[in-house]
Amino acid sequence: MSDAIRGITGRMSQLAAYGQGPLAGLGGVGGLGDTGAIQVPAGAGKSEGPSFGDTLKQFVGGVSDAQDAAGELRDKFVRGDNVEMHQVMAAGEEAGIALEMLVELRNKVSEAYRTLVNMQ
């Protein structure tokens, strides 16, 4: 799971570099020139490693896997299999934290989208 988080934060920092255009220090929208067209940095179309979408899919899959694993441990504990209570609690907490992080990521992406839409 931590690899997915590192991948997302790395990808976000790469995307943040796109806003470092000629007007970035003047309070305007970075990357906009006199013509109003967005200037794309050299090599922006070529990326090394997985895309942001792929990283996001991997993260969502990891959250789903954590929830499934917590559910399986809970079911085994209820059936009386050889599972310790602390394992069930730890897996449940891990799944809960992963879900909370996914919800916060969704909120931040929605907020960023609204900010971009409201820019003039």
PDB file of N, CA and C in Angstrom:
ATOM      1  N   MET A   1       0.821  -1.183   0.000  1.00  0.00           N
ATOM      2  CA  MET A   1       0.000   0.000   0.000  1.00  0.00           C
ATOM      3  C   MET A   1       0.867   1.249   0.000  1.00  0.00           C
ATOM      4  N   SER A   2       1.951   1.249   0.697  1.00  0.00           N
ATOM      5  CA  SER A   2       2.799   2.431   0.756  1.00  0.00           C
ATOM      6  C   SER A   2       3.425   2.725  -0.604  1.00  0.00           C
ATOM      7  N   ASP A   3       3.641   1.712  -1.449  1.00  0.00           N
ATOM      8  CA  ASP A   3       4.152   1.954  -2.792  1.00  0.00           C
ATOM      9  C   ASP A   3       3.136   2.728  -3.612  1.00  0.00           C
ATOM     10  N   ALA A   4       1.870   2.421  -3.448  1.00  0.00           N
ATOM     11  CA  ALA A   4       0.823   3.144  -4.166  1.00  0.00           C
ATOM     12  C   ALA A   4       0.776   4.593  -3.717  1.00  0.00           C
ATOM     13  N   ILE A   5       0.911   4.819  -2.424  1.00  0.00           N
ATOM     14  CA  ILE A   5       0.888   6.184  -1.896  1.00  0.00           C
ATOM     15  C   ILE A   5       2.091   6.955  -2.403  1.00  0.00           C
ATOM     16  N   ARG A   6       3.265   6.323  -2.389  1.00  0.00           N
ATOM     17  CA  ARG A   6       4.458   6.986  -2.914  1.00  0.00           C
ATOM     18  C   ARG A   6       4.284   7.298  -4.395  1.00  0.00           C
ATOM     19  N   GLY A   7       3.669   6.384  -5.137  1.00  0.00           N
ATOM     20  CA  GLY A   7       3.440   6.616  -6.560  1.00  0.00           C
ATOM     21  C   GLY A   7       2.519   7.794  -6.800  1.00  0.00           C
ATOM     22  N   ILE A   8       1.471   7.895  -6.004  1.00  0.00           N
ATOM     23  CA  ILE A   8       0.527   9.004  -6.163  1.00  0.00           C
ATOM     24  C   ILE A   8       1.185  10.326  -5.817  1.00  0.00           C
ATOM     25  N   THR A   9       1.909  10.383  -4.704  1.00  0.00           N
ATOM     26  CA  THR A   9       2.546  11.646  -4.323  1.00  0.00           C
ATOM     27  C   THR A   9       3.632  12.040  -5.314  1.00  0.00           C
ATOM     28  N   GLY A  10       4.360  11.069  -5.839  1.00  0.00           N
ATOM     29  CA  GLY A  10       5.365  11.371  -6.856  1.00  0.00           C
ATOM     30  C   GLY A  10       4.737  11.915  -8.117  1.00  0.00           C
ATOM     31  N   ARG A  11       3.641  11.315  -8.521  1.00  0.00           N
ATOM     32  CA  ARG A  11       2.937  11.766  -9.723  1.00  0.00           C
ATOM     33  C   ARG A  11       2.350  13.153  -9.521  1.00  0.00           C
ATOM     34  N   MET A  12       1.837  13.426  -8.305  1.00  0.00           N
ATOM     35  CA  MET A  12       1.293  14.748  -8.015  1.00  0.00           C
ATOM     36  C   MET A  12       2.377  15.819  -8.064  1.00  0.00           C
ATOM     37  N   SER A  13       3.562  15.495  -7.567  1.00  0.00           N
ATOM     38  CA  SER A  13       4.641  16.487  -7.612  1.00  0.00           C
ATOM     39  C   SER A  13       5.105  16.721  -9.043  1.00  0.00           C
ATOM     40  N   GLN A  14       5.040  15.688  -9.896  1.00  0.00           N
ATOM     41  CA  GLN A  14       5.348  15.882 -11.308  1.00  0.00           C
ATOM     42  C   GLN A  14       4.318  16.800 -11.950  1.00  0.00           C
ATOM     43  N   LEU A  15       3.044  16.587 -11.621  1.00  0.00           N
ATOM     44  CA  LEU A  15       1.990  17.419 -12.181  1.00  0.00           C
ATOM     45  C   LEU A  15       2.087  18.852 -11.678  1.00  0.00           C
ATOM     46  N   ALA A  16       2.535  19.035 -10.452  1.00  0.00           N
ATOM     47  CA  ALA A  16       2.682  20.378  -9.907  1.00  0.00           C
ATOM     48  C   ALA A  16       3.739  21.172 -10.658  1.00  0.00           C
ATOM     49  N   ALA A  17       4.737  20.495 -11.219  1.00  0.00           N
ATOM     50  CA  ALA A  17       5.796  21.175 -11.962  1.00  0.00           C
ATOM     51  C   ALA A  17       5.272  21.782 -13.257  1.00  0.00           C
ATOM     52  N   TYR A  18       4.136  21.310 -13.759  1.00  0.00           N
ATOM     53  CA  TYR A  18       3.570  21.854 -14.990  1.00  0.00           C
ATOM     54  C   TYR A  18       3.122  23.301 -14.823  1.00  0.00           C
ATOM     55  N   GLY A  19       2.834  23.730 -13.612  1.00  0.00           N
ATOM     56  CA  GLY A  19       2.383  25.097 -13.375  1.00  0.00           C
ATOM     57  C   GLY A  19       3.507  26.092 -13.224  1.00  0.00           C
ATOM     58  N   GLN A  20       4.717  25.709 -13.504  1.00  0.00           N
ATOM     59  CA  GLN A  20       5.870  26.591 -13.328  1.00  0.00           C
ATOM     60  C   GLN A  20       6.214  27.315 -14.617  1.00  0.00           C
ATOM     61  N   GLY A  21       5.235  27.941 -15.236  1.00  0.00           N
ATOM     62  CA  GLY A  21       5.423  28.641 -16.509  1.00  0.00           C
ATOM     63  C   GLY A  21       5.928  30.045 -16.304  1.00  0.00           C
ATOM     64  N   PRO A  22       5.962  30.879 -17.379  1.00  0.00           N
ATOM     65  CA  PRO A  22       6.536  32.221 -17.302  1.00  0.00           C
ATOM     66  C   PRO A  22       5.762  33.172 -16.397  1.00  0.00           C
ATOM     67  N   LEU A  23       4.472  32.956 -16.167  1.00  0.00           N
ATOM     68  CA  LEU A  23       3.689  33.861 -15.335  1.00  0.00           C
ATOM     69  C   LEU A  23       3.468  33.325 -13.928  1.00  0.00           C
ATOM     70  N   ALA A  24       4.104  32.246 -13.583  1.00  0.00           N
ATOM     71  CA  ALA A  24       3.854  31.609 -12.287  1.00  0.00           C
ATOM     72  C   ALA A  24       4.198  32.528 -11.121  1.00  0.00           C
ATOM     73  N   GLY A  25       5.232  33.321 -11.234  1.00  0.00           N
ATOM     74  CA  GLY A  25       5.632  34.202 -10.153  1.00  0.00           C
ATOM     75  C   GLY A  25       4.890  35.518 -10.121  1.00  0.00           C
ATOM     76  N   LEU A  26       4.012  35.788 -11.105  1.00  0.00           N
ATOM     77  CA  LEU A  26       3.312  37.058 -11.192  1.00  0.00           C
ATOM     78  C   LEU A  26       1.891  36.988 -10.665  1.00  0.00           C
ATOM     79  N   GLY A  27       1.531  35.893 -10.043  1.00  0.00           N
ATOM     80  CA  GLY A  27       0.191  35.774  -9.489  1.00  0.00           C
ATOM     81  C   GLY A  27      -0.826  35.294 -10.506  1.00  0.00           C
ATOM     82  N   GLY A  28      -0.424  35.124 -11.733  1.00  0.00           N
ATOM     83  CA  GLY A  28      -1.341  34.632 -12.762  1.00  0.00           C
ATOM     84  C   GLY A  28      -1.314  33.119 -12.797  1.00  0.00           C
ATOM     85  N   VAL A  29      -1.955  32.566 -13.791  1.00  0.00           N
ATOM     86  CA  VAL A  29      -1.972  31.122 -13.955  1.00  0.00           C
ATOM     87  C   VAL A  29      -0.661  30.725 -14.606  1.00  0.00           C
ATOM     88  N   GLY A  30       0.126  29.895 -13.946  1.00  0.00           N
ATOM     89  CA  GLY A  30       1.401  29.464 -14.485  1.00  0.00           C
ATOM     90  C   GLY A  30       1.229  28.705 -15.775  1.00  0.00           C
ATOM     91  N   GLY A  31       2.085  28.981 -16.751  1.00  0.00           N
ATOM     92  CA  GLY A  31       2.022  28.273 -18.016  1.00  0.00           C
ATOM     93  C   GLY A  31       1.242  29.007 -19.078  1.00  0.00           C
ATOM     94  N   LEU A  32       0.569  30.133 -18.751  1.00  0.00           N
ATOM     95  CA  LEU A  32      -0.160  30.885 -19.751  1.00  0.00           C
ATOM     96  C   LEU A  32       0.720  32.011 -20.273  1.00  0.00           C
ATOM     97  N   GLY A  33       0.871  32.061 -21.559  1.00  0.00           N
ATOM     98  CA  GLY A  33       1.658  33.111 -22.183  1.00  0.00           C
ATOM     99  C   GLY A  33       0.777  34.278 -22.571  1.00  0.00           C
ATOM    100  N   ASP A  34       1.303  35.207 -23.402  1.00  0.00           N
ATOM    101  CA  ASP A  34       0.544  36.371 -23.841  1.00  0.00           C
ATOM    102  C   ASP A  34      -0.653  35.986 -24.696  1.00  0.00           C
ATOM    103  N   THR A  35      -0.582  34.877 -25.394  1.00  0.00           N
ATOM    104  CA  THR A  35      -1.662  34.465 -26.285  1.00  0.00           C
ATOM    105  C   THR A  35      -2.792  33.801 -25.526  1.00  0.00           C
ATOM    106  N   GLY A  36      -2.616  33.446 -24.274  1.00  0.00           N
ATOM    107  CA  GLY A  36      -3.645  32.777 -23.507  1.00  0.00           C
ATOM    108  C   GLY A  36      -3.637  31.271 -23.690  1.00  0.00           C
ATOM    109  N   ALA A  37      -2.742  30.766 -24.545  1.00  0.00           N
ATOM    110  CA  ALA A  37      -2.649  29.321 -24.763  1.00  0.00           C
ATOM    111  C   ALA A  37      -1.769  28.709 -23.688  1.00  0.00           C
ATOM    112  N   ILE A  38      -2.092  27.517 -23.315  1.00  0.00           N
ATOM    113  CA  ILE A  38      -1.298  26.831 -22.302  1.00  0.00           C
ATOM    114  C   ILE A  38      -0.020  26.318 -22.934  1.00  0.00           C
ATOM    115  N   GLN A  39       1.100  26.667 -22.320  1.00  0.00           N
ATOM    116  CA  GLN A  39       2.390  26.201 -22.799  1.00  0.00           C
ATOM    117  C   GLN A  39       2.735  24.919 -22.060  1.00  0.00           C
ATOM    118  N   VAL A  40       2.951  23.856 -22.803  1.00  0.00           N
ATOM    119  CA  VAL A  40       3.270  22.568 -22.220  1.00  0.00           C
ATOM    120  C   VAL A  40       4.783  22.424 -22.158  1.00  0.00           C
ATOM    121  N   PRO A  41       5.343  22.083 -21.006  1.00  0.00           N
ATOM    122  CA  PRO A  41       6.784  21.919 -20.885  1.00  0.00           C
ATOM    123  C   PRO A  41       7.298  20.827 -21.817  1.00  0.00           C
ATOM    124  N   ALA A  42       8.548  20.966 -22.211  1.00  0.00           N
ATOM    125  CA  ALA A  42       9.160  19.956 -23.074  1.00  0.00           C
ATOM    126  C   ALA A  42       9.162  18.614 -22.371  1.00  0.00           C
ATOM    127  N   GLY A  43       8.781  17.584 -23.081  1.00  0.00           N
ATOM    128  CA  GLY A  43       8.758  16.243 -22.521  1.00  0.00           C
ATOM    129  C   GLY A  43       7.531  15.953 -21.683  1.00  0.00           C
ATOM    130  N   ALA A  44       6.539  16.862 -21.695  1.00  0.00           N
ATOM    131  CA  ALA A  44       5.358  16.655 -20.866  1.00  0.00           C
ATOM    132  C   ALA A  44       4.518  15.487 -21.352  1.00  0.00           C
ATOM    133  N   GLY A  45       4.529  15.224 -22.646  1.00  0.00           N
ATOM    134  CA  GLY A  45       3.747  14.113 -23.176  1.00  0.00           C
ATOM    135  C   GLY A  45       4.379  12.762 -22.899  1.00  0.00           C
ATOM    136  N   LYS A  46       5.652  12.786 -22.600  1.00  0.00           N
ATOM    137  CA  LYS A  46       6.382  11.542 -22.349  1.00  0.00           C
ATOM    138  C   LYS A  46       6.600  11.409 -20.849  1.00  0.00           C
ATOM    139  N   SER A  47       6.098  10.346 -20.284  1.00  0.00           N
ATOM    140  CA  SER A  47       6.297  10.156 -18.854  1.00  0.00           C
ATOM    141  C   SER A  47       6.972   8.820 -18.614  1.00  0.00           C
ATOM    142  N   GLU A  48       7.742   8.794 -17.576  1.00  0.00           N
ATOM    143  CA  GLU A  48       8.386   7.559 -17.172  1.00  0.00           C
ATOM    144  C   GLU A  48       7.540   6.931 -16.080  1.00  0.00           C
ATOM    145  N   GLY A  49       7.325   5.655 -16.182  1.00  0.00           N
ATOM    146  CA  GLY A  49       6.551   4.968 -15.159  1.00  0.00           C
ATOM    147  C   GLY A  49       5.071   4.977 -15.475  1.00  0.00           C
ATOM    148  N   PRO A  50       4.276   4.517 -14.517  1.00  0.00           N
ATOM    149  CA  PRO A  50       2.836   4.406 -14.742  1.00  0.00           C
ATOM    150  C   PRO A  50       2.162   5.775 -14.768  1.00  0.00           C
ATOM    151  N   SER A  51       1.026   5.862 -15.442  1.00  0.00           N
ATOM    152  CA  SER A  51       0.276   7.110 -15.486  1.00  0.00           C
ATOM    153  C   SER A  51      -0.440   7.327 -14.154  1.00  0.00           C
ATOM    154  N   PHE A  52      -0.955   8.526 -13.981  1.00  0.00           N
ATOM    155  CA  PHE A  52      -1.689   8.836 -12.757  1.00  0.00           C
ATOM    156  C   PHE A  52      -2.924   7.949 -12.645  1.00  0.00           C
ATOM    157  N   GLY A  53      -3.595   7.720 -13.764  1.00  0.00           N
ATOM    158  CA  GLY A  53      -4.773   6.859 -13.767  1.00  0.00           C
ATOM    159  C   GLY A  53      -4.441   5.440 -13.351  1.00  0.00           C
ATOM    160  N   ASP A  54      -3.332   4.917 -13.863  1.00  0.00           N
ATOM    161  CA  ASP A  54      -2.917   3.566 -13.479  1.00  0.00           C
ATOM    162  C   ASP A  54      -2.593   3.489 -11.989  1.00  0.00           C
ATOM    163  N   THR A  55      -1.920   4.509 -11.485  1.00  0.00           N
ATOM    164  CA  THR A  55      -1.574   4.550 -10.071  1.00  0.00           C
ATOM    165  C   THR A  55      -2.832   4.628  -9.214  1.00  0.00           C
ATOM    166  N   LEU A  56      -3.799   5.417  -9.672  1.00  0.00           N
ATOM    167  CA  LEU A  56      -5.053   5.543  -8.937  1.00  0.00           C
ATOM    168  C   LEU A  56      -5.820   4.221  -8.937  1.00  0.00           C
ATOM    169  N   LYS A  57      -5.860   3.541 -10.073  1.00  0.00           N
ATOM    170  CA  LYS A  57      -6.523   2.227 -10.138  1.00  0.00           C
ATOM    171  C   LYS A  57      -5.846   1.237  -9.199  1.00  0.00           C
ATOM    172  N   GLN A  58      -4.525   1.266  -9.161  1.00  0.00           N
ATOM    173  CA  GLN A  58      -3.778   0.375  -8.273  1.00  0.00           C
ATOM    174  C   GLN A  58      -4.105   0.688  -6.805  1.00  0.00           C
ATOM    175  N   PHE A  59      -4.208   1.965  -6.474  1.00  0.00           N
ATOM    176  CA  PHE A  59      -4.519   2.367  -5.103  1.00  0.00           C
ATOM    177  C   PHE A  59      -5.924   1.929  -4.710  1.00  0.00           C
ATOM    178  N   VAL A  60      -6.897   2.133  -5.614  1.00  0.00           N
ATOM    179  CA  VAL A  60      -8.274   1.714  -5.336  1.00  0.00           C
ATOM    180  C   VAL A  60      -8.325   0.197  -5.169  1.00  0.00           C
ATOM    181  N   GLY A  61      -7.586  -0.524  -5.994  1.00  0.00           N
ATOM    182  CA  GLY A  61      -7.512  -1.978  -5.852  1.00  0.00           C
ATOM    183  C   GLY A  61      -6.904  -2.387  -4.524  1.00  0.00           C
ATOM    184  N   GLY A  62      -5.899  -1.643  -4.073  1.00  0.00           N
ATOM    185  CA  GLY A  62      -5.281  -1.928  -2.778  1.00  0.00           C
ATOM    186  C   GLY A  62      -6.247  -1.702  -1.626  1.00  0.00           C
ATOM    187  N   VAL A  63      -7.059  -0.648  -1.724  1.00  0.00           N
ATOM    188  CA  VAL A  63      -8.060  -0.386  -0.689  1.00  0.00           C
ATOM    189  C   VAL A  63      -9.083  -1.515  -0.659  1.00  0.00           C
ATOM    190  N   SER A  64      -9.509  -1.936  -1.838  1.00  0.00           N
ATOM    191  CA  SER A  64     -10.476  -3.032  -1.926  1.00  0.00           C
ATOM    192  C   SER A  64      -9.894  -4.325  -1.359  1.00  0.00           C
ATOM    193  N   ASP A  65      -8.640  -4.600  -1.680  1.00  0.00           N
ATOM    194  CA  ASP A  65      -7.977  -5.795  -1.158  1.00  0.00           C
ATOM    195  C   ASP A  65      -7.864  -5.753   0.368  1.00  0.00           C
ATOM    196  N   ALA A  66      -7.556  -4.569   0.916  1.00  0.00           N
ATOM    197  CA  ALA A  66      -7.445  -4.432   2.368  1.00  0.00           C
ATOM    198  C   ALA A  66      -8.794  -4.679   3.034  1.00  0.00           C
ATOM    199  N   GLN A  67      -9.855  -4.183   2.421  1.00  0.00           N
ATOM    200  CA  GLN A  67     -11.185  -4.419   2.988  1.00  0.00           C
ATOM    201  C   GLN A  67     -11.574  -5.894   2.891  1.00  0.00           C
ATOM    202  N   ASP A  68     -11.245  -6.526   1.775  1.00  0.00           N
ATOM    203  CA  ASP A  68     -11.535  -7.957   1.624  1.00  0.00           C
ATOM    204  C   ASP A  68     -10.770  -8.789   2.650  1.00  0.00           C
ATOM    205  N   ALA A  69      -9.488  -8.459   2.849  1.00  0.00           N
ATOM    206  CA  ALA A  69      -8.671  -9.197   3.807  1.00  0.00           C
ATOM    207  C   ALA A  69      -9.213  -9.020   5.227  1.00  0.00           C
ATOM    208  N   ALA A  70      -9.639  -7.798   5.560  1.00  0.00           N
ATOM    209  CA  ALA A  70     -10.202  -7.558   6.891  1.00  0.00           C
ATOM    210  C   ALA A  70     -11.497  -8.346   7.063  1.00  0.00           C
ATOM    211  N   GLY A  71     -12.298  -8.395   6.029  1.00  0.00           N
ATOM    212  CA  GLY A  71     -13.542  -9.162   6.098  1.00  0.00           C
ATOM    213  C   GLY A  71     -13.301 -10.649   6.262  1.00  0.00           C
ATOM    214  N   GLU A  72     -12.317 -11.171   5.549  1.00  0.00           N
ATOM    215  CA  GLU A  72     -11.976 -12.591   5.668  1.00  0.00           C
ATOM    216  C   GLU A  72     -11.481 -12.925   7.078  1.00  0.00           C
ATOM    217  N   LEU A  73     -10.613 -12.068   7.627  1.00  0.00           N
ATOM    218  CA  LEU A  73     -10.121 -12.304   8.986  1.00  0.00           C
ATOM    219  C   LEU A  73     -11.262 -12.253   9.996  1.00  0.00           C
ATOM    220  N   ARG A  74     -12.158 -11.298   9.822  1.00  0.00           N
ATOM    221  CA  ARG A  74     -13.306 -11.191  10.726  1.00  0.00           C
ATOM    222  C   ARG A  74     -14.165 -12.455  10.659  1.00  0.00           C
ATOM    223  N   ASP A  75     -14.415 -12.921   9.430  1.00  0.00           N
ATOM    224  CA  ASP A  75     -15.223 -14.135   9.264  1.00  0.00           C
ATOM    225  C   ASP A  75     -14.550 -15.355   9.892  1.00  0.00           C
ATOM    226  N   LYS A  76     -13.237 -15.469   9.712  1.00  0.00           N
ATOM    227  CA  LYS A  76     -12.507 -16.583  10.319  1.00  0.00           C
ATOM    228  C   LYS A  76     -12.581 -16.519  11.839  1.00  0.00           C
ATOM    229  N   PHE A  77     -12.449 -15.310  12.380  1.00  0.00           N
ATOM    230  CA  PHE A  77     -12.522 -15.147  13.836  1.00  0.00           C
ATOM    231  C   PHE A  77     -13.896 -15.550  14.358  1.00  0.00           C
ATOM    232  N   VAL A  78     -14.946 -15.134  13.640  1.00  0.00           N
ATOM    233  CA  VAL A  78     -16.313 -15.458  14.062  1.00  0.00           C
ATOM    234  C   VAL A  78     -16.556 -16.964  14.006  1.00  0.00           C
ATOM    235  N   ARG A  79     -15.985 -17.637  12.990  1.00  0.00           N
ATOM    236  CA  ARG A  79     -16.146 -19.085  12.871  1.00  0.00           C
ATOM    237  C   ARG A  79     -15.349 -19.849  13.920  1.00  0.00           C
ATOM    238  N   GLY A  80     -14.400 -19.186  14.555  1.00  0.00           N
ATOM    239  CA  GLY A  80     -13.606 -19.844  15.576  1.00  0.00           C
ATOM    240  C   GLY A  80     -12.290 -20.392  15.059  1.00  0.00           C
ATOM    241  N   ASP A  81     -11.896 -19.995  13.847  1.00  0.00           N
ATOM    242  CA  ASP A  81     -10.602 -20.426  13.314  1.00  0.00           C
ATOM    243  C   ASP A  81      -9.481 -19.820  14.139  1.00  0.00           C
ATOM    244  N   ASN A  82      -8.276 -20.264  13.870  1.00  0.00           N
ATOM    245  CA  ASN A  82      -7.107 -19.830  14.628  1.00  0.00           C
ATOM    246  C   ASN A  82      -6.667 -18.438  14.174  1.00  0.00           C
ATOM    247  N   VAL A  83      -7.409 -17.411  14.586  1.00  0.00           N
ATOM    248  CA  VAL A  83      -7.096 -16.018  14.264  1.00  0.00           C
ATOM    249  C   VAL A  83      -7.158 -15.218  15.556  1.00  0.00           C
ATOM    250  N   GLU A  84      -6.138 -14.437  15.802  1.00  0.00           N
ATOM    251  CA  GLU A  84      -6.079 -13.625  17.019  1.00  0.00           C
ATOM    252  C   GLU A  84      -6.912 -12.353  16.853  1.00  0.00           C
ATOM    253  N   MET A  85      -7.467 -11.887  17.938  1.00  0.00           N
ATOM    254  CA  MET A  85      -8.300 -10.680  17.922  1.00  0.00           C
ATOM    255  C   MET A  85      -7.524  -9.457  17.458  1.00  0.00           C
ATOM    256  N   HIS A  86      -6.257  -9.346  17.863  1.00  0.00           N
ATOM    257  CA  HIS A  86      -5.479  -8.178  17.463  1.00  0.00           C
ATOM    258  C   HIS A  86      -5.236  -8.161  15.957  1.00  0.00           C
ATOM    259  N   GLN A  87      -5.162  -9.330  15.321  1.00  0.00           N
ATOM    260  CA  GLN A  87      -5.015  -9.369  13.868  1.00  0.00           C
ATOM    261  C   GLN A  87      -6.266  -8.825  13.189  1.00  0.00           C
ATOM    262  N   VAL A  88      -7.421  -9.220  13.695  1.00  0.00           N
ATOM    263  CA  VAL A  88      -8.696  -8.754  13.138  1.00  0.00           C
ATOM    264  C   VAL A  88      -8.815  -7.245  13.305  1.00  0.00           C
ATOM    265  N   MET A  89      -8.486  -6.750  14.480  1.00  0.00           N
ATOM    266  CA  MET A  89      -8.587  -5.310  14.747  1.00  0.00           C
ATOM    267  C   MET A  89      -7.606  -4.515  13.903  1.00  0.00           C
ATOM    268  N   ALA A  90      -6.382  -5.008  13.775  1.00  0.00           N
ATOM    269  CA  ALA A  90      -5.381  -4.298  12.974  1.00  0.00           C
ATOM    270  C   ALA A  90      -5.779  -4.263  11.502  1.00  0.00           C
ATOM    271  N   ALA A  91      -6.271  -5.375  10.980  1.00  0.00           N
ATOM    272  CA  ALA A  91      -6.689  -5.403   9.579  1.00  0.00           C
ATOM    273  C   ALA A  91      -7.878  -4.480   9.342  1.00  0.00           C
ATOM    274  N   GLY A  92      -8.803  -4.445  10.287  1.00  0.00           N
ATOM    275  CA  GLY A  92      -9.949  -3.549  10.174  1.00  0.00           C
ATOM    276  C   GLY A  92      -9.543  -2.088  10.203  1.00  0.00           C
ATOM    277  N   GLU A  93      -8.614  -1.745  11.096  1.00  0.00           N
ATOM    278  CA  GLU A  93      -8.124  -0.362  11.174  1.00  0.00           C
ATOM    279  C   GLU A  93      -7.377   0.029   9.901  1.00  0.00           C
ATOM    280  N   GLU A  94      -6.558  -0.882   9.396  1.00  0.00           N
ATOM    281  CA  GLU A  94      -5.815  -0.599   8.171  1.00  0.00           C
ATOM    282  C   GLU A  94      -6.776  -0.353   7.013  1.00  0.00           C
ATOM    283  N   ALA A  95      -7.805  -1.175   6.892  1.00  0.00           N
ATOM    284  CA  ALA A  95      -8.787  -1.002   5.828  1.00  0.00           C
ATOM    285  C   ALA A  95      -9.545   0.313   6.002  1.00  0.00           C
ATOM    286  N   GLY A  96      -9.877   0.647   7.244  1.00  0.00           N
ATOM    287  CA  GLY A  96     -10.582   1.901   7.510  1.00  0.00           C
ATOM    288  C   GLY A  96      -9.742   3.118   7.168  1.00  0.00           C
ATOM    289  N   ILE A  97      -8.477   3.087   7.533  1.00  0.00           N
ATOM    290  CA  ILE A  97      -7.580   4.207   7.239  1.00  0.00           C
ATOM    291  C   ILE A  97      -7.376   4.346   5.736  1.00  0.00           C
ATOM    292  N   ALA A  98      -7.235   3.222   5.039  1.00  0.00           N
ATOM    293  CA  ALA A  98      -7.069   3.265   3.588  1.00  0.00           C
ATOM    294  C   ALA A  98      -8.306   3.856   2.924  1.00  0.00           C
ATOM    295  N   LEU A  99      -9.487   3.497   3.402  1.00  0.00           N
ATOM    296  CA  LEU A  99     -10.722   4.042   2.846  1.00  0.00           C
ATOM    297  C   LEU A  99     -10.835   5.537   3.125  1.00  0.00           C
ATOM    298  N   GLU A 100     -10.478   5.958   4.344  1.00  0.00           N
ATOM    299  CA  GLU A 100     -10.497   7.383   4.672  1.00  0.00           C
ATOM    300  C   GLU A 100      -9.549   8.165   3.770  1.00  0.00           C
ATOM    301  N   MET A 101      -8.388   7.599   3.492  1.00  0.00           N
ATOM    302  CA  MET A 101      -7.432   8.274   2.619  1.00  0.00           C
ATOM    303  C   MET A 101      -7.979   8.384   1.200  1.00  0.00           C
ATOM    304  N   LEU A 102      -8.640   7.333   0.733  1.00  0.00           N
ATOM    305  CA  LEU A 102      -9.239   7.356  -0.594  1.00  0.00           C
ATOM    306  C   LEU A 102     -10.338   8.417  -0.683  1.00  0.00           C
ATOM    307  N   VAL A 103     -11.142   8.544   0.356  1.00  0.00           N
ATOM    308  CA  VAL A 103     -12.191   9.568   0.374  1.00  0.00           C
ATOM    309  C   VAL A 103     -11.566  10.961   0.373  1.00  0.00           C
ATOM    310  N   GLU A 104     -10.520  11.161   1.151  1.00  0.00           N
ATOM    311  CA  GLU A 104      -9.841  12.459   1.175  1.00  0.00           C
ATOM    312  C   GLU A 104      -9.204  12.775  -0.176  1.00  0.00           C
ATOM    313  N   LEU A 105      -8.646  11.761  -0.831  1.00  0.00           N
ATOM    314  CA  LEU A 105      -8.078  11.962  -2.159  1.00  0.00           C
ATOM    315  C   LEU A 105      -9.172  12.390  -3.130  1.00  0.00           C
ATOM    316  N   ARG A 106     -10.324  11.726  -3.050  1.00  0.00           N
ATOM    317  CA  ARG A 106     -11.458  12.113  -3.895  1.00  0.00           C
ATOM    318  C   ARG A 106     -11.867  13.549  -3.627  1.00  0.00           C
ATOM    319  N   ASN A 107     -11.921  13.935  -2.352  1.00  0.00           N
ATOM    320  CA  ASN A 107     -12.307  15.300  -1.997  1.00  0.00           C
ATOM    321  C   ASN A 107     -11.316  16.317  -2.545  1.00  0.00           C
ATOM    322  N   LYS A 108     -10.039  16.017  -2.455  1.00  0.00           N
ATOM    323  CA  LYS A 108      -9.017  16.945  -2.953  1.00  0.00           C
ATOM    324  C   LYS A 108      -9.070  17.069  -4.477  1.00  0.00           C
ATOM    325  N   VAL A 109      -9.302  15.962  -5.158  1.00  0.00           N
ATOM    326  CA  VAL A 109      -9.410  16.006  -6.614  1.00  0.00           C
ATOM    327  C   VAL A 109     -10.643  16.803  -7.020  1.00  0.00           C
ATOM    328  N   SER A 110     -11.761  16.609  -6.322  1.00  0.00           N
ATOM    329  CA  SER A 110     -12.976  17.374  -6.606  1.00  0.00           C
ATOM    330  C   SER A 110     -12.751  18.859  -6.362  1.00  0.00           C
ATOM    331  N   GLU A 111     -12.079  19.175  -5.272  1.00  0.00           N
ATOM    332  CA  GLU A 111     -11.786  20.574  -4.955  1.00  0.00           C
ATOM    333  C   GLU A 111     -10.877  21.199  -6.016  1.00  0.00           C
ATOM    334  N   ALA A 112      -9.875  20.459  -6.451  1.00  0.00           N
ATOM    335  CA  ALA A 112      -8.973  20.971  -7.489  1.00  0.00           C
ATOM    336  C   ALA A 112      -9.731  21.183  -8.797  1.00  0.00           C
ATOM    337  N   TYR A 113     -10.629  20.261  -9.124  1.00  0.00           N
ATOM    338  CA  TYR A 113     -11.437  20.405 -10.342  1.00  0.00           C
ATOM    339  C   TYR A 113     -12.318  21.649 -10.256  1.00  0.00           C
ATOM    340  N   ARG A 114     -12.978  21.834  -9.115  1.00  0.00           N
ATOM    341  CA  ARG A 114     -13.833  23.029  -8.944  1.00  0.00           C
ATOM    342  C   ARG A 114     -13.009  24.301  -9.037  1.00  0.00           C
ATOM    343  N   THR A 115     -11.811  24.291  -8.488  1.00  0.00           N
ATOM    344  CA  THR A 115     -10.937  25.455  -8.564  1.00  0.00           C
ATOM    345  C   THR A 115     -10.575  25.756 -10.014  1.00  0.00           C
ATOM    346  N   LEU A 116     -10.239  24.721 -10.772  1.00  0.00           N
ATOM    347  CA  LEU A 116      -9.902  24.939 -12.179  1.00  0.00           C
ATOM    348  C   LEU A 116     -11.095  25.440 -12.979  1.00  0.00           C
ATOM    349  N   VAL A 117     -12.262  24.920 -12.705  1.00  0.00           N
ATOM    350  CA  VAL A 117     -13.464  25.341 -13.437  1.00  0.00           C
ATOM    351  C   VAL A 117     -13.791  26.795 -13.124  1.00  0.00           C
ATOM    352  N   ASN A 118     -13.570  27.217 -11.893  1.00  0.00           N
ATOM    353  CA  ASN A 118     -13.915  28.581 -11.489  1.00  0.00           C
ATOM    354  C   ASN A 118     -12.862  29.618 -11.844  1.00  0.00           C
ATOM    355  N   MET A 119     -11.711  29.193 -12.385  1.00  0.00           N
ATOM    356  CA  MET A 119     -10.678  30.151 -12.782  1.00  0.00           C
ATOM    357  C   MET A 119     -11.158  30.970 -13.970  1.00  0.00           C
ATOM    358  N   GLN A 120     -10.760  32.231 -13.990  1.00  0.00           N
ATOM    359  CA  GLN A 120     -11.170  33.090 -15.110  1.00  0.00           C
ATOM    360  C   GLN A 120      -9.984  33.516 -15.920  1.00  0.00           C
TER     361      GLN A 120
END
